PDB file of N, CA and C in Angstrom:
ATOM      1  N   MET A   1       0.933  -0.869   0.123  1.00  0.00           N
ATOM      2  CA  MET A   1      -0.512  -0.282   0.259  1.00  0.00           C
ATOM      3  C   MET A   1       0.488   1.181   0.189  1.00  0.00           C
ATOM      4  N   ILE A   2       0.769   2.045  -0.558  1.00  0.00           N
ATOM      5  CA  ILE A   2       0.843   3.756  -1.084  1.00  0.00           C
ATOM      6  C   ILE A   2       0.089   4.235   0.515  1.00  0.00           C
ATOM      7  N   SER A   3       1.370   5.316   1.301  1.00  0.00           N
ATOM      8  CA  SER A   3       1.064   6.116   2.225  1.00  0.00           C
ATOM      9  C   SER A   3       0.425   7.406   1.704  1.00  0.00           C
ATOM     10  N   SER A   4      -0.456   8.030   2.306  1.00  0.00           N
ATOM     11  CA  SER A   4      -0.832   9.602   1.496  1.00  0.00           C
ATOM     12  C   SER A   4       0.510  10.443   1.495  1.00  0.00           C
ATOM     13  N   LYS A   5       1.294  10.046   2.435  1.00  0.00           N
ATOM     14  CA  LYS A   5       2.744  11.328   2.401  1.00  0.00           C
ATOM     15  C   LYS A   5       3.134  10.393   0.695  1.00  0.00           C
ATOM     16  N   THR A   6       3.229   9.611   0.556  1.00  0.00           N
ATOM     17  CA  THR A   6       4.182   8.921  -0.896  1.00  0.00           C
ATOM     18  C   THR A   6       3.392   9.427  -2.057  1.00  0.00           C
ATOM     19  N   HIS A   7       2.297   9.058  -1.591  1.00  0.00           N
ATOM     20  CA  HIS A   7       1.000   9.330  -2.467  1.00  0.00           C
ATOM     21  C   HIS A   7       1.311  10.965  -2.690  1.00  0.00           C
ATOM     22  N   ALA A   8       1.310  12.072  -2.033  1.00  0.00           N
ATOM     23  CA  ALA A   8       1.970  13.523  -2.184  1.00  0.00           C
ATOM     24  C   ALA A   8       2.951  13.616  -3.364  1.00  0.00           C
ATOM     25  N   VAL A   9       3.699  12.981  -2.697  1.00  0.00           N
ATOM     26  CA  VAL A   9       5.536  13.253  -3.390  1.00  0.00           C
ATOM     27  C   VAL A   9       5.179  12.639  -5.303  1.00  0.00           C
ATOM     28  N   LEU A  10       4.298  11.496  -5.277  1.00  0.00           N
ATOM     29  CA  LEU A  10       4.111  10.876  -6.639  1.00  0.00           C
ATOM     30  C   LEU A  10       3.329  11.773  -7.077  1.00  0.00           C
ATOM     31  N   ASP A  11       2.492  12.623  -6.858  1.00  0.00           N
ATOM     32  CA  ASP A  11       1.815  13.323  -7.249  1.00  0.00           C
ATOM     33  C   ASP A  11       2.277  14.685  -7.962  1.00  0.00           C
ATOM     34  N   TYR A  12       3.430  15.574  -7.370  1.00  0.00           N
ATOM     35  CA  TYR A  12       4.120  16.293  -7.519  1.00  0.00           C
ATOM     36  C   TYR A  12       4.837  15.957  -8.653  1.00  0.00           C
ATOM     37  N   LEU A  13       5.624  14.995  -8.860  1.00  0.00           N
ATOM     38  CA  LEU A  13       6.214  14.374  -9.001  1.00  0.00           C
ATOM     39  C   LEU A  13       5.873  13.962 -10.744  1.00  0.00           C
ATOM     40  N   VAL A  14       4.739  13.133 -10.596  1.00  0.00           N
ATOM     41  CA  VAL A  14       4.120  12.893 -11.906  1.00  0.00           C
ATOM     42  C   VAL A  14       3.441  14.575 -12.853  1.00  0.00           C
ATOM     43  N   GLY A  15       2.704  15.062 -12.049  1.00  0.00           N
ATOM     44  CA  GLY A  15       2.638  16.720 -12.670  1.00  0.00           C
ATOM     45  C   GLY A  15       3.516  17.348 -13.226  1.00  0.00           C
ATOM     46  N   ILE A  16       5.043  17.509 -12.561  1.00  0.00           N
ATOM     47  CA  ILE A  16       6.129  17.679 -13.041  1.00  0.00           C
ATOM     48  C   ILE A  16       6.217  16.977 -14.538  1.00  0.00           C
ATOM     49  N   LEU A  17       6.512  15.763 -14.640  1.00  0.00           N
ATOM     50  CA  LEU A  17       6.931  14.732 -15.642  1.00  0.00           C
ATOM     51  C   LEU A  17       5.835  15.034 -16.833  1.00  0.00           C
ATOM     52  N   LEU A  18       4.089  14.915 -16.490  1.00  0.00           N
ATOM     53  CA  LEU A  18       3.325  15.333 -17.255  1.00  0.00           C
ATOM     54  C   LEU A  18       3.678  16.696 -18.840  1.00  0.00           C
ATOM     55  N   ILE A  19       3.744  17.196 -17.464  1.00  0.00           N
ATOM     56  CA  ILE A  19       4.157  18.264 -18.060  1.00  0.00           C
ATOM     57  C   ILE A  19       5.184  18.832 -18.964  1.00  0.00           C
ATOM     58  N   ALA A  20       6.820  18.268 -18.479  1.00  0.00           N
ATOM     59  CA  ALA A  20       7.776  17.616 -19.783  1.00  0.00           C
ATOM     60  C   ALA A  20       7.768  16.792 -20.413  1.00  0.00           C
ATOM     61  N   ALA A  21       7.028  15.713 -20.554  1.00  0.00           N
ATOM     62  CA  ALA A  21       7.247  14.679 -20.658  1.00  0.00           C
ATOM     63  C   ALA A  21       6.830  15.108 -22.579  1.00  0.00           C
ATOM     64  N   PRO A  22       6.011  15.819 -23.181  1.00  0.00           N
ATOM     65  CA  PRO A  22       6.201  16.064 -24.826  1.00  0.00           C
ATOM     66  C   PRO A  22       7.176  16.658 -25.421  1.00  0.00           C
ATOM     67  N   TRP A  23       8.203  17.254 -24.480  1.00  0.00           N
ATOM     68  CA  TRP A  23       9.612  17.933 -24.966  1.00  0.00           C
ATOM     69  C   TRP A  23      10.891  16.831 -24.476  1.00  0.00           C
ATOM     70  N   LEU A  24      10.315  16.232 -23.489  1.00  0.00           N
ATOM     71  CA  LEU A  24      11.519  14.997 -23.118  1.00  0.00           C
ATOM     72  C   LEU A  24      11.295  13.924 -23.748  1.00  0.00           C
ATOM     73  N   LEU A  25       9.962  13.382 -24.170  1.00  0.00           N
ATOM     74  CA  LEU A  25       9.995  12.160 -25.532  1.00  0.00           C
ATOM     75  C   LEU A  25       9.875  12.516 -26.999  1.00  0.00           C
ATOM     76  N   GLY A  26       9.792  14.016 -27.034  1.00  0.00           N
ATOM     77  CA  GLY A  26       9.673  14.085 -29.179  1.00  0.00           C
ATOM     78  C   GLY A  26       8.352  14.409 -29.352  1.00  0.00           C
ATOM     79  N   PHE A  27       7.549  14.193 -28.576  1.00  0.00           N
ATOM     80  CA  PHE A  27       5.763  14.670 -29.603  1.00  0.00           C
ATOM     81  C   PHE A  27       5.080  15.889 -28.871  1.00  0.00           C
ATOM     82  N   ALA A  28       6.082  16.993 -29.036  1.00  0.00           N
ATOM     83  CA  ALA A  28       5.644  18.051 -28.332  1.00  0.00           C
ATOM     84  C   ALA A  28       5.298  18.828 -29.927  1.00  0.00           C
ATOM     85  N   ASP A  29       4.115  18.795 -30.007  1.00  0.00           N
ATOM     86  CA  ASP A  29       3.166  19.572 -31.279  1.00  0.00           C
ATOM     87  C   ASP A  29       2.465  20.893 -31.355  1.00  0.00           C
ATOM     88  N   ASN A  30       2.199  20.579 -30.004  1.00  0.00           N
ATOM     89  CA  ASN A  30       0.922  21.942 -29.926  1.00  0.00           C
ATOM     90  C   ASN A  30      -0.291  21.149 -30.102  1.00  0.00           C
ATOM     91  N   GLY A  31      -0.673  19.992 -30.204  1.00  0.00           N
ATOM     92  CA  GLY A  31      -1.863  19.479 -30.226  1.00  0.00           C
ATOM     93  C   GLY A  31      -2.389  18.508 -29.295  1.00  0.00           C
ATOM     94  N   ALA A  32      -3.666  17.892 -29.975  1.00  0.00           N
ATOM     95  CA  ALA A  32      -3.952  17.291 -28.290  1.00  0.00           C
ATOM     96  C   ALA A  32      -3.036  16.254 -27.801  1.00  0.00           C
ATOM     97  N   ALA A  33      -1.937  15.588 -28.385  1.00  0.00           N
ATOM     98  CA  ALA A  33      -0.890  14.691 -27.461  1.00  0.00           C
ATOM     99  C   ALA A  33      -0.210  15.617 -26.946  1.00  0.00           C
ATOM    100  N   THR A  34       0.437  17.073 -27.252  1.00  0.00           N
ATOM    101  CA  THR A  34       1.106  17.772 -26.123  1.00  0.00           C
ATOM    102  C   THR A  34      -0.044  18.061 -24.874  1.00  0.00           C
ATOM    103  N   THR A  35      -0.908  18.817 -25.350  1.00  0.00           N
ATOM    104  CA  THR A  35      -1.643  19.617 -24.310  1.00  0.00           C
ATOM    105  C   THR A  35      -2.550  18.761 -23.333  1.00  0.00           C
ATOM    106  N   ILE A  36      -2.914  17.790 -23.746  1.00  0.00           N
ATOM    107  CA  ILE A  36      -3.745  17.036 -22.531  1.00  0.00           C
ATOM    108  C   ILE A  36      -2.821  16.391 -21.229  1.00  0.00           C
ATOM    109  N   PRO A  37      -1.484  15.789 -22.008  1.00  0.00           N
ATOM    110  CA  PRO A  37      -0.233  15.830 -20.620  1.00  0.00           C
ATOM    111  C   PRO A  37      -0.253  16.931 -19.510  1.00  0.00           C
ATOM    112  N   VAL A  38       0.001  17.818 -20.644  1.00  0.00           N
ATOM    113  CA  VAL A  38       0.238  19.338 -20.113  1.00  0.00           C
ATOM    114  C   VAL A  38      -1.045  20.287 -19.084  1.00  0.00           C
ATOM    115  N   VAL A  39      -1.985  19.624 -19.689  1.00  0.00           N
ATOM    116  CA  VAL A  39      -3.378  20.503 -18.820  1.00  0.00           C
ATOM    117  C   VAL A  39      -3.459  19.564 -17.215  1.00  0.00           C
ATOM    118  N   LEU A  40      -3.023  18.035 -17.826  1.00  0.00           N
ATOM    119  CA  LEU A  40      -3.297  16.781 -16.371  1.00  0.00           C
ATOM    120  C   LEU A  40      -2.416  17.638 -15.728  1.00  0.00           C
ATOM    121  N   GLY A  41      -1.015  17.896 -15.952  1.00  0.00           N
ATOM    122  CA  GLY A  41       0.277  18.021 -14.692  1.00  0.00           C
ATOM    123  C   GLY A  41      -0.236  19.141 -14.198  1.00  0.00           C
ATOM    124  N   ILE A  42      -0.370  20.402 -15.161  1.00  0.00           N
ATOM    125  CA  ILE A  42      -0.810  21.178 -14.434  1.00  0.00           C
ATOM    126  C   ILE A  42      -1.737  21.245 -13.388  1.00  0.00           C
ATOM    127  N   SER A  43      -2.874  20.357 -14.273  1.00  0.00           N
ATOM    128  CA  SER A  43      -3.808  20.669 -13.013  1.00  0.00           C
ATOM    129  C   SER A  43      -3.808  19.809 -11.595  1.00  0.00           C
ATOM    130  N   THR A  44      -2.845  18.685 -11.905  1.00  0.00           N
ATOM    131  CA  THR A  44      -2.461  17.631 -10.647  1.00  0.00           C
ATOM    132  C   THR A  44      -1.426  18.415  -9.564  1.00  0.00           C
ATOM    133  N   ILE A  45      -0.790  19.275 -10.374  1.00  0.00           N
ATOM    134  CA  ILE A  45       0.001  20.323  -9.332  1.00  0.00           C
ATOM    135  C   ILE A  45      -1.128  21.328  -8.310  1.00  0.00           C
ATOM    136  N   VAL A  46      -2.301  21.614  -9.123  1.00  0.00           N
ATOM    137  CA  VAL A  46      -2.927  22.781  -8.354  1.00  0.00           C
ATOM    138  C   VAL A  46      -4.138  22.049  -7.216  1.00  0.00           C
ATOM    139  N   TYR A  47      -4.667  20.561  -7.677  1.00  0.00           N
ATOM    140  CA  TYR A  47      -5.318  20.579  -7.202  1.00  0.00           C
ATOM    141  C   TYR A  47      -4.958  19.429  -5.357  1.00  0.00           C
ATOM    142  N   SER A  48      -3.152  19.003  -6.376  1.00  0.00           N
ATOM    143  CA  SER A  48      -2.296  18.687  -5.126  1.00  0.00           C
ATOM    144  C   SER A  48      -2.556  19.434  -3.669  1.00  0.00           C
ATOM    145  N   LEU A  49      -2.054  20.975  -4.127  1.00  0.00           N
ATOM    146  CA  LEU A  49      -1.698  21.797  -3.512  1.00  0.00           C
ATOM    147  C   LEU A  49      -2.736  22.289  -2.046  1.00  0.00           C
ATOM    148  N   PHE A  50      -4.053  22.054  -2.955  1.00  0.00           N
ATOM    149  CA  PHE A  50      -5.528  21.985  -2.059  1.00  0.00           C
ATOM    150  C   PHE A  50      -6.133  20.764  -1.584  1.00  0.00           C
ATOM    151  N   THR A  51      -5.233  19.791  -1.495  1.00  0.00           N
ATOM    152  CA  THR A  51      -5.692  18.797  -0.843  1.00  0.00           C
ATOM    153  C   THR A  51      -5.385  18.387   0.870  1.00  0.00           C
ATOM    154  N   ASN A  52      -6.540  17.604   1.658  1.00  0.00           N
ATOM    155  CA  ASN A  52      -6.331  17.497   3.332  1.00  0.00           C
ATOM    156  C   ASN A  52      -5.632  15.798   2.823  1.00  0.00           C
ATOM    157  N   TYR A  53      -3.928  16.277   2.448  1.00  0.00           N
ATOM    158  CA  TYR A  53      -2.521  15.641   2.673  1.00  0.00           C
ATOM    159  C   TYR A  53      -1.236  16.323   3.249  1.00  0.00           C
ATOM    160  N   GLU A  54      -0.338  15.340   3.609  1.00  0.00           N
ATOM    161  CA  GLU A  54       0.662  16.232   3.951  1.00  0.00           C
ATOM    162  C   GLU A  54       1.517  17.023   2.177  1.00  0.00           C
ATOM    163  N   TYR A  55       2.303  17.505   2.795  1.00  0.00           N
ATOM    164  CA  TYR A  55       2.977  18.760   1.786  1.00  0.00           C
ATOM    165  C   TYR A  55       1.828  19.433   0.630  1.00  0.00           C
ATOM    166  N   SER A  56       0.666  20.006   1.296  1.00  0.00           N
ATOM    167  CA  SER A  56       0.201  20.897   0.345  1.00  0.00           C
ATOM    168  C   SER A  56      -0.302  22.031   1.166  1.00  0.00           C
ATOM    169  N   ILE A  57      -0.814  23.037   0.633  1.00  0.00           N
ATOM    170  CA  ILE A  57      -0.268  24.807   0.916  1.00  0.00           C
ATOM    171  C   ILE A  57      -2.020  24.701   2.069  1.00  0.00           C
ATOM    172  N   ALA A  58      -3.218  23.817   1.603  1.00  0.00           N
ATOM    173  CA  ALA A  58      -4.002  24.145   2.065  1.00  0.00           C
ATOM    174  C   ALA A  58      -5.201  23.270   1.854  1.00  0.00           C
ATOM    175  N   ARG A  59      -6.015  22.828   2.974  1.00  0.00           N
ATOM    176  CA  ARG A  59      -6.301  21.529   3.205  1.00  0.00           C
ATOM    177  C   ARG A  59      -7.715  21.362   2.706  1.00  0.00           C
ATOM    178  N   MET A  60      -8.342  22.042   1.829  1.00  0.00           N
ATOM    179  CA  MET A  60      -9.466  22.110   0.996  1.00  0.00           C
ATOM    180  C   MET A  60     -10.015  21.315   0.776  1.00  0.00           C
ATOM    181  N   LEU A  61      -9.887  19.805   0.129  1.00  0.00           N
ATOM    182  CA  LEU A  61     -10.194  19.070  -0.888  1.00  0.00           C
ATOM    183  C   LEU A  61      -9.856  17.781  -0.352  1.00  0.00           C
ATOM    184  N   SER A  62     -10.936  17.239   0.013  1.00  0.00           N
ATOM    185  CA  SER A  62     -11.079  15.913   0.416  1.00  0.00           C
ATOM    186  C   SER A  62      -9.562  14.716  -0.110  1.00  0.00           C
ATOM    187  N   PHE A  63      -9.523  14.322   0.717  1.00  0.00           N
ATOM    188  CA  PHE A  63      -8.402  13.151   0.342  1.00  0.00           C
ATOM    189  C   PHE A  63      -9.101  12.033  -0.719  1.00  0.00           C
ATOM    190  N   LYS A  64     -10.305  11.500  -0.620  1.00  0.00           N
ATOM    191  CA  LYS A  64     -11.623  10.646  -1.304  1.00  0.00           C
ATOM    192  C   LYS A  64     -11.519  11.844  -2.614  1.00  0.00           C
ATOM    193  N   THR A  65     -11.849  12.686  -2.583  1.00  0.00           N
ATOM    194  CA  THR A  65     -12.522  12.921  -3.766  1.00  0.00           C
ATOM    195  C   THR A  65     -11.015  13.478  -4.320  1.00  0.00           C
ATOM    196  N   HIS A  66      -9.742  14.260  -3.874  1.00  0.00           N
ATOM    197  CA  HIS A  66      -8.069  14.081  -4.408  1.00  0.00           C
ATOM    198  C   HIS A  66      -7.684  12.025  -5.687  1.00  0.00           C
ATOM    199  N   LEU A  67      -8.493  11.730  -4.908  1.00  0.00           N
ATOM    200  CA  LEU A  67      -8.005  10.115  -5.343  1.00  0.00           C
ATOM    201  C   LEU A  67      -8.981   9.864  -6.505  1.00  0.00           C
ATOM    202  N   THR A  68     -10.490  10.545  -6.815  1.00  0.00           N
ATOM    203  CA  THR A  68     -11.275  10.422  -7.771  1.00  0.00           C
ATOM    204  C   THR A  68     -10.701  10.890  -8.637  1.00  0.00           C
ATOM    205  N   ILE A  69     -10.516  12.468  -8.204  1.00  0.00           N
ATOM    206  CA  ILE A  69      -9.548  13.172  -9.758  1.00  0.00           C
ATOM    207  C   ILE A  69      -8.605  12.516 -10.255  1.00  0.00           C
ATOM    208  N   ASP A  70      -7.458  11.784  -9.644  1.00  0.00           N
ATOM    209  CA  ASP A  70      -6.883  11.375  -9.594  1.00  0.00           C
ATOM    210  C   ASP A  70      -7.458  10.434 -10.949  1.00  0.00           C
ATOM    211  N   PHE A  71      -8.543   9.630 -10.189  1.00  0.00           N
ATOM    212  CA  PHE A  71      -8.506   8.054 -11.475  1.00  0.00           C
ATOM    213  C   PHE A  71      -9.231   8.112 -12.547  1.00  0.00           C
ATOM    214  N   VAL A  72      -9.966   9.106 -12.606  1.00  0.00           N
ATOM    215  CA  VAL A  72     -10.431  10.269 -13.863  1.00  0.00           C
ATOM    216  C   VAL A  72      -9.438  10.447 -14.631  1.00  0.00           C
ATOM    217  N   ALA A  73      -8.516  11.205 -14.338  1.00  0.00           N
ATOM    218  CA  ALA A  73      -7.427  11.913 -14.991  1.00  0.00           C
ATOM    219  C   ALA A  73      -6.620  11.313 -15.357  1.00  0.00           C
ATOM    220  N   GLY A  74      -6.638   9.640 -14.906  1.00  0.00           N
ATOM    221  CA  GLY A  74      -5.213   9.027 -15.400  1.00  0.00           C
ATOM    222  C   GLY A  74      -6.529   8.283 -16.299  1.00  0.00           C
ATOM    223  N   LEU A  75      -7.336   7.600 -16.346  1.00  0.00           N
ATOM    224  CA  LEU A  75      -8.517   7.271 -17.454  1.00  0.00           C
ATOM    225  C   LEU A  75      -8.010   7.894 -18.346  1.00  0.00           C
ATOM    226  N   LEU A  76      -8.105   9.031 -18.574  1.00  0.00           N
ATOM    227  CA  LEU A  76      -8.369   9.978 -19.433  1.00  0.00           C
ATOM    228  C   LEU A  76      -7.399   9.855 -20.463  1.00  0.00           C
ATOM    229  N   LEU A  77      -6.247  10.227 -19.485  1.00  0.00           N
ATOM    230  CA  LEU A  77      -5.210  10.421 -20.313  1.00  0.00           C
ATOM    231  C   LEU A  77      -4.972   8.933 -20.661  1.00  0.00           C
ATOM    232  N   LEU A  78      -4.912   7.309 -20.301  1.00  0.00           N
ATOM    233  CA  LEU A  78      -4.856   6.111 -20.819  1.00  0.00           C
ATOM    234  C   LEU A  78      -5.660   6.163 -21.984  1.00  0.00           C
ATOM    235  N   VAL A  79      -6.709   6.426 -22.007  1.00  0.00           N
ATOM    236  CA  VAL A  79      -7.654   6.449 -23.444  1.00  0.00           C
ATOM    237  C   VAL A  79      -7.583   7.793 -24.289  1.00  0.00           C
ATOM    238  N   SER A  80      -6.542   8.397 -24.236  1.00  0.00           N
ATOM    239  CA  SER A  80      -6.899   9.904 -24.454  1.00  0.00           C
ATOM    240  C   SER A  80      -6.331   9.780 -26.369  1.00  0.00           C
ATOM    241  N   PRO A  81      -5.297   8.742 -26.140  1.00  0.00           N
ATOM    242  CA  PRO A  81      -4.757   9.195 -28.058  1.00  0.00           C
ATOM    243  C   PRO A  81      -5.832   8.628 -28.660  1.00  0.00           C
ATOM    244  N   TRP A  82      -6.965   7.501 -28.493  1.00  0.00           N
ATOM    245  CA  TRP A  82      -7.452   7.290 -29.152  1.00  0.00           C
ATOM    246  C   TRP A  82      -8.789   8.062 -29.253  1.00  0.00           C
ATOM    247  N   LEU A  83      -9.085   8.503 -27.871  1.00  0.00           N
ATOM    248  CA  LEU A  83     -10.286   9.452 -27.818  1.00  0.00           C
ATOM    249  C   LEU A  83      -9.927  10.841 -28.743  1.00  0.00           C
ATOM    250  N   PHE A  84      -9.200  11.595 -28.704  1.00  0.00           N
ATOM    251  CA  PHE A  84      -8.607  12.023 -28.980  1.00  0.00           C
ATOM    252  C   PHE A  84      -8.100  12.344 -31.316  1.00  0.00           C
ATOM    253  N   GLY A  85      -7.587  11.049 -31.581  1.00  0.00           N
ATOM    254  CA  GLY A  85      -7.163  10.583 -32.332  1.00  0.00           C
ATOM    255  C   GLY A  85      -5.465  10.883 -32.833  1.00  0.00           C
ATOM    256  N   PHE A  86      -4.738  10.959 -32.353  1.00  0.00           N
ATOM    257  CA  PHE A  86      -3.458  10.566 -31.773  1.00  0.00           C
ATOM    258  C   PHE A  86      -2.210   9.762 -31.642  1.00  0.00           C
ATOM    259  N   HIS A  87      -3.079   8.488 -31.936  1.00  0.00           N
ATOM    260  CA  HIS A  87      -2.505   7.095 -31.489  1.00  0.00           C
ATOM    261  C   HIS A  87      -1.813   6.875 -32.796  1.00  0.00           C
ATOM    262  N   GLU A  88      -2.185   7.488 -33.653  1.00  0.00           N
ATOM    263  CA  GLU A  88      -0.872   6.736 -34.593  1.00  0.00           C
ATOM    264  C   GLU A  88       0.228   7.221 -34.955  1.00  0.00           C
ATOM    265  N   GLU A  89       0.272   8.656 -33.680  1.00  0.00           N
ATOM    266  CA  GLU A  89       1.602   9.235 -33.789  1.00  0.00           C
ATOM    267  C   GLU A  89       2.218   8.803 -32.433  1.00  0.00           C
ATOM    268  N   VAL A  90       1.707   8.731 -31.609  1.00  0.00           N
ATOM    269  CA  VAL A  90       1.895   8.685 -30.261  1.00  0.00           C
ATOM    270  C   VAL A  90       0.854   7.925 -28.984  1.00  0.00           C
ATOM    271  N   TYR A  91       1.513   7.354 -28.447  1.00  0.00           N
ATOM    272  CA  TYR A  91       0.355   6.914 -27.590  1.00  0.00           C
ATOM    273  C   TYR A  91       1.156   5.918 -26.116  1.00  0.00           C
ATOM    274  N   LEU A  92       2.178   5.259 -26.717  1.00  0.00           N
ATOM    275  CA  LEU A  92       2.824   4.962 -25.015  1.00  0.00           C
ATOM    276  C   LEU A  92       2.736   5.694 -24.293  1.00  0.00           C
ATOM    277  N   PRO A  93       3.504   6.587 -24.410  1.00  0.00           N
ATOM    278  CA  PRO A  93       3.527   7.326 -22.990  1.00  0.00           C
ATOM    279  C   PRO A  93       2.327   8.114 -22.232  1.00  0.00           C
ATOM    280  N   HIS A  94       1.137   7.769 -22.771  1.00  0.00           N
ATOM    281  CA  HIS A  94       0.347   8.254 -22.368  1.00  0.00           C
ATOM    282  C   HIS A  94      -0.678   7.309 -21.373  1.00  0.00           C
ATOM    283  N   VAL A  95      -0.874   5.799 -22.165  1.00  0.00           N
ATOM    284  CA  VAL A  95      -0.840   4.731 -21.390  1.00  0.00           C
ATOM    285  C   VAL A  95      -0.437   4.422 -20.603  1.00  0.00           C
ATOM    286  N   ILE A  96       1.203   4.244 -20.434  1.00  0.00           N
ATOM    287  CA  ILE A  96       2.130   3.982 -19.804  1.00  0.00           C
ATOM    288  C   ILE A  96       1.606   4.753 -18.060  1.00  0.00           C
ATOM    289  N   VAL A  97       1.590   6.242 -18.638  1.00  0.00           N
ATOM    290  CA  VAL A  97       1.288   7.097 -17.258  1.00  0.00           C
ATOM    291  C   VAL A  97      -0.159   7.057 -16.661  1.00  0.00           C
ATOM    292  N   GLY A  98      -0.904   6.760 -17.526  1.00  0.00           N
ATOM    293  CA  GLY A  98      -2.743   6.787 -17.380  1.00  0.00           C
ATOM    294  C   GLY A  98      -2.898   6.057 -16.726  1.00  0.00           C
ATOM    295  N   ALA A  99      -2.295   4.378 -16.816  1.00  0.00           N
ATOM    296  CA  ALA A  99      -2.225   2.810 -15.991  1.00  0.00           C
ATOM    297  C   ALA A  99      -1.492   3.635 -14.875  1.00  0.00           C
ATOM    298  N   PHE A 100      -0.226   4.111 -14.538  1.00  0.00           N
ATOM    299  CA  PHE A 100       0.452   4.195 -13.172  1.00  0.00           C
ATOM    300  C   PHE A 100      -0.573   4.867 -12.332  1.00  0.00           C
ATOM    301  N   GLU A 101      -1.282   5.809 -13.266  1.00  0.00           N
ATOM    302  CA  GLU A 101      -1.786   7.153 -12.132  1.00  0.00           C
ATOM    303  C   GLU A 101      -2.696   5.751 -11.608  1.00  0.00           C
ATOM    304  N   ILE A 102      -3.999   5.245 -12.323  1.00  0.00           N
ATOM    305  CA  ILE A 102      -5.132   4.460 -11.875  1.00  0.00           C
ATOM    306  C   ILE A 102      -4.490   3.281 -11.060  1.00  0.00           C
ATOM    307  N   LEU A 103      -3.412   3.250 -10.639  1.00  0.00           N
ATOM    308  CA  LEU A 103      -2.342   1.506 -10.020  1.00  0.00           C
ATOM    309  C   LEU A 103      -2.322   2.475  -8.823  1.00  0.00           C
ATOM    310  N   ALA A 104      -1.882   3.511  -8.703  1.00  0.00           N
ATOM    311  CA  ALA A 104      -1.330   4.657  -7.807  1.00  0.00           C
ATOM    312  C   ALA A 104      -2.915   4.649  -6.808  1.00  0.00           C
ATOM    313  N   VAL A 105      -3.494   4.939  -7.633  1.00  0.00           N
ATOM    314  CA  VAL A 105      -4.896   5.007  -7.139  1.00  0.00           C
ATOM    315  C   VAL A 105      -5.678   3.956  -5.790  1.00  0.00           C
ATOM    316  N   LEU A 106      -5.538   2.616  -6.812  1.00  0.00           N
ATOM    317  CA  LEU A 106      -6.097   1.698  -6.080  1.00  0.00           C
ATOM    318  C   LEU A 106      -5.369   0.987  -5.337  1.00  0.00           C
ATOM    319  N   MET A 107      -3.675   1.745  -5.233  1.00  0.00           N
ATOM    320  CA  MET A 107      -2.197   0.903  -3.815  1.00  0.00           C
ATOM    321  C   MET A 107      -2.784   1.656  -3.161  1.00  0.00           C
ATOM    322  N   THR A 108      -3.150   3.103  -3.020  1.00  0.00           N
ATOM    323  CA  THR A 108      -3.132   4.189  -1.899  1.00  0.00           C
ATOM    324  C   THR A 108      -4.041   3.686  -0.732  1.00  0.00           C
ATOM    325  N   ARG A 109      -3.766   4.098   0.500  1.00  0.00           N
ATOM    326  CA  ARG A 109      -4.197   3.859   2.030  1.00  0.00           C
ATOM    327  C   ARG A 109      -5.184   5.167   1.709  1.00  0.00           C
ATOM    328  N   LYS A 110      -6.367   4.736   1.740  1.00  0.00           N
ATOM    329  CA  LYS A 110      -7.463   6.156   1.673  1.00  0.00           C
ATOM    330  C   LYS A 110      -7.504   7.134   2.493  1.00  0.00           C
ATOM    331  N   VAL A 111      -6.739   6.597   3.821  1.00  0.00           N
ATOM    332  CA  VAL A 111      -6.985   7.898   5.053  1.00  0.00           C
ATOM    333  C   VAL A 111      -5.463   8.450   5.322  1.00  0.00           C
ATOM    334  N   THR A 112      -5.519   9.337   5.236  1.00  0.00           N
ATOM    335  CA  THR A 112      -4.134  10.500   5.660  1.00  0.00           C
ATOM    336  C   THR A 112      -3.828  10.429   6.830  1.00  0.00           C
ATOM    337  N   SER A 113      -2.442  11.288   7.118  1.00  0.00           N
ATOM    338  CA  SER A 113      -1.849  10.747   8.582  1.00  0.00           C
ATOM    339  C   SER A 113      -2.889  12.441   8.906  1.00  0.00           C
ATOM    340  N   THR A 114      -3.576  13.049   8.367  1.00  0.00           N
ATOM    341  CA  THR A 114      -3.624  14.800   8.535  1.00  0.00           C
ATOM    342  C   THR A 114      -5.496  14.538   8.943  1.00  0.00           C
ATOM    343  N   ALA A 115      -5.832  13.725   8.432  1.00  0.00           N
ATOM    344  CA  ALA A 115      -7.846  13.142   8.635  1.00  0.00           C
ATOM    345  C   ALA A 115      -7.378  13.219   9.952  1.00  0.00           C
ATOM    346  N   HIS A 116      -7.191  12.909  10.950  1.00  0.00           N
ATOM    347  CA  HIS A 116      -7.358  12.861  12.111  1.00  0.00           C
ATOM    348  C   HIS A 116      -7.387  13.531  13.355  1.00  0.00           C
ATOM    349  N   LYS A 117      -6.239  15.361  12.575  1.00  0.00           N
ATOM    350  CA  LYS A 117      -5.623  16.032  13.613  1.00  0.00           C
ATOM    351  C   LYS A 117      -6.785  16.683  13.671  1.00  0.00           C
ATOM    352  N   PRO A 118      -7.082  17.909  14.592  1.00  0.00           N
ATOM    353  CA  PRO A 118      -8.253  18.853  15.072  1.00  0.00           C
ATOM    354  C   PRO A 118      -7.141  19.739  13.976  1.00  0.00           C
ATOM    355  N   LYS A 119      -8.695  20.576  13.626  1.00  0.00           N
ATOM    356  CA  LYS A 119      -8.524  21.595  12.985  1.00  0.00           C
ATOM    357  C   LYS A 119      -8.027  23.019  13.879  1.00  0.00           C
ATOM    358  N   GLN A 120      -6.417  23.518  13.654  1.00  0.00           N
ATOM    359  CA  GLN A 120      -6.576  24.926  14.063  1.00  0.00           C
ATOM    360  C   GLN A 120      -7.671  26.085  13.499  1.00  0.00           C
ATOM    361  N   ILE A 121      -7.276  27.256  14.652  1.00  0.00           N
ATOM    362  CA  ILE A 121      -7.509  28.392  14.169  1.00  0.00           C
ATOM    363  C   ILE A 121      -6.914  29.171  14.507  1.00  0.00           C
TER     364      ILE A 121
END
């Protein structure tokens, strides 16, 4: 099982990887193949900053909601090459990272170490 703390670190790393992947892997063409991972990477970092878990700046989003968003984003990333029609140019990075994201959600403990701490005023 993956702890919420480890999941938080993975969120930021995967977010950065998604943003950089089109240029690192040579498929940066400003089309959907580029736009989808970049948008998902930016959004992953943003909603991670507002999740009720370790390494966030404001605990406004529940961890369960965060995991649901991760799952949907992973699924979207995984099917995006066929959904948006760029599978003939590139698909493997999208499938691999999307599947990784789904597996990470399924393997993550659903309770954070911040869940039982009293709110500070």
